[in-house]
Amino acid sequence: MADPEKNKQTVLAYYNMAFNDRKPAEAVEKYGGSHYIQHNPQAADGFEAFIEFVLGFAEQFPQLSLDIKRAVAEGDLVVTHSLLKTSPEDRGTAAADFFRLEDGKIVEHWDVLQPVPESAANDHPMF
């Protein structure tokens, strides 16, 4: 049976290691399952594609940062709500990432991305 809290800790460790520590291969080795189904239309299936994407993105944006603001887990699903910035000056992108785990390992990913706007119709920040 899925352990939502353990799954949440797995996803947080995986995502921080891959993006903030710039160690996607190590993150996959430690936290990845037997396969990786990718739902982002700009990324291919498989962990090898994920590793190549992160390394290429970090090379293109050396000051890249991922600030995970919150995470929610239910059953075998974990959702993170993050601020992804390509540099300190970048307003950034709000990212909602959905991960599915099997036997405590990451096997599937969806995401929804929204640029952080200069202004808003309300006084509430995106996070």
Protein backbone atom coordinates (compact mmCIF):
# COMPACT_ATOMS: atom_id res chain seq x y z
CA MET A 1 0.00 0.00 0.00
CA ALA A 2 1.22 3.50 -0.87
CA ASP A 3 2.70 5.64 1.92
CA PRO A 4 1.79 9.22 0.91
CA GLU A 5 4.21 10.92 3.33
CA LYS A 6 7.13 8.73 2.25
CA ASN A 7 6.20 9.32 -1.39
CA LYS A 8 6.18 13.08 -0.77
CA GLN A 9 9.66 12.94 0.76
CA THR A 10 10.87 10.87 -2.21
CA VAL A 11 9.57 13.41 -4.72
CA LEU A 12 11.03 16.37 -2.82
CA ALA A 13 14.44 14.68 -2.63
CA TYR A 14 14.28 13.66 -6.31
CA TYR A 15 13.34 17.09 -7.62
CA ASN A 16 15.80 19.00 -5.43
CA MET A 17 18.66 16.64 -6.30
CA ALA A 18 17.89 16.77 -10.03
CA PHE A 19 17.45 20.54 -10.38
CA ASN A 20 19.05 22.35 -7.44
CA ASP A 21 21.98 19.97 -6.94
CA ARG A 22 22.30 19.47 -10.74
CA LYS A 23 22.46 15.69 -10.28
CA PRO A 24 19.60 14.29 -12.37
CA ALA A 25 21.32 10.94 -13.06
CA GLU A 26 21.87 10.36 -9.35
CA ALA A 27 18.27 11.39 -8.61
CA VAL A 28 16.97 8.91 -11.18
CA GLU A 29 19.21 6.14 -9.88
CA LYS A 30 18.07 6.67 -6.30
CA TYR A 31 14.38 7.58 -6.75
CA GLY A 32 13.35 6.45 -10.24
CA GLY A 33 11.32 3.35 -10.97
CA SER A 34 11.62 0.79 -13.75
CA HIS A 35 10.14 3.20 -16.33
CA TYR A 36 9.18 6.87 -16.71
CA ILE A 37 6.03 8.00 -18.48
CA GLN A 38 6.23 11.68 -19.42
CA HIS A 39 3.10 13.73 -20.15
CA ASN A 40 4.83 17.05 -20.90
CA PRO A 41 4.44 17.32 -24.71
CA GLN A 42 7.89 18.92 -25.02
CA ALA A 43 9.72 16.02 -23.34
CA ALA A 44 10.21 12.41 -24.36
CA ASP A 45 9.39 9.36 -22.25
CA GLY A 46 12.12 7.74 -20.19
CA PHE A 47 14.57 8.78 -17.52
CA GLU A 48 17.39 9.26 -20.03
CA ALA A 49 15.37 12.04 -21.67
CA PHE A 50 14.73 13.60 -18.24
CA ILE A 51 18.45 13.55 -17.42
CA GLU A 52 19.35 15.12 -20.78
CA PHE A 53 16.64 17.77 -20.34
CA VAL A 54 17.80 18.82 -16.86
CA LEU A 55 21.49 18.90 -17.84
CA GLY A 56 20.73 20.93 -20.97
CA PHE A 57 18.44 23.33 -19.11
CA ALA A 58 21.02 23.85 -16.35
CA GLU A 59 23.75 24.43 -18.95
CA GLN A 60 21.58 26.99 -20.74
CA PHE A 61 20.61 28.66 -17.42
CA PRO A 62 23.50 28.23 -14.93
CA GLN A 63 21.63 30.21 -12.24
CA LEU A 64 18.55 27.99 -12.52
CA SER A 65 16.64 27.45 -9.27
CA LEU A 66 13.61 25.44 -8.23
CA ASP A 67 11.90 26.62 -5.03
CA ILE A 68 9.28 24.07 -3.98
CA LYS A 69 6.68 26.04 -2.03
CA ARG A 70 4.38 23.15 -1.12
CA ALA A 71 3.78 19.48 -1.76
CA VAL A 72 0.63 17.42 -1.37
CA ALA A 73 0.46 13.63 -1.39
CA GLU A 74 -2.47 11.28 -1.75
CA GLY A 75 -2.10 7.57 -2.38
CA ASP A 76 0.49 7.07 -5.11
CA LEU A 77 0.34 10.71 -6.33
CA VAL A 78 2.44 13.67 -5.21
CA VAL A 79 1.94 17.25 -6.42
CA THR A 80 4.51 20.02 -6.00
CA HIS A 81 3.84 23.76 -6.43
CA SER A 82 7.10 25.48 -7.27
CA LEU A 83 8.75 28.64 -8.48
CA LEU A 84 11.15 27.83 -11.31
CA LYS A 85 13.58 30.65 -12.13
CA THR A 86 16.25 30.76 -14.84
CA SER A 87 18.15 33.53 -13.00
CA PRO A 88 17.77 35.67 -9.87
CA GLU A 89 16.29 38.47 -12.02
CA ASP A 90 13.71 36.19 -13.66
CA ARG A 91 10.14 36.61 -12.32
CA GLY A 92 9.90 32.90 -12.96
CA THR A 93 7.33 30.29 -13.78
CA ALA A 94 4.80 28.80 -11.40
CA ALA A 95 4.93 25.03 -11.85
CA ALA A 96 2.52 22.38 -10.67
CA ASP A 97 4.18 18.98 -11.10
CA PHE A 98 2.29 15.74 -10.61
CA PHE A 99 4.22 12.53 -9.96
CA ARG A 100 2.93 8.98 -9.73
CA LEU A 101 4.95 6.43 -7.78
CA GLU A 102 4.98 2.63 -7.83
CA ASP A 103 6.49 0.82 -4.85
CA GLY A 104 7.92 4.14 -3.59
CA LYS A 105 9.66 4.98 -6.90
CA ILE A 106 8.79 7.70 -9.43
CA VAL A 107 7.32 6.34 -12.66
CA GLU A 108 5.13 9.08 -14.19
CA HIS A 109 5.06 12.88 -14.50
CA TRP A 110 2.65 15.63 -15.59
CA ASP A 111 3.16 19.39 -15.29
CA VAL A 112 1.30 22.65 -15.70
CA LEU A 113 3.39 25.81 -16.16
CA GLN A 114 2.36 29.47 -15.85
CA PRO A 115 4.68 32.48 -16.22
CA VAL A 116 4.62 34.75 -13.17
CA PRO A 117 3.01 38.00 -14.44
CA GLU A 118 4.27 41.53 -13.83
CA SER A 119 0.93 42.53 -12.33
CA ALA A 120 -2.27 40.87 -11.18
CA ALA A 121 -5.93 41.77 -10.85
CA ASN A 122 -5.72 40.90 -7.13
CA ASP A 123 -3.32 41.44 -4.26
CA HIS A 124 -2.48 37.77 -3.76
CA PRO A 125 0.89 36.42 -4.82
CA MET A 126 1.00 33.20 -6.84
CA PHE A 127 2.45 31.39 -3.85
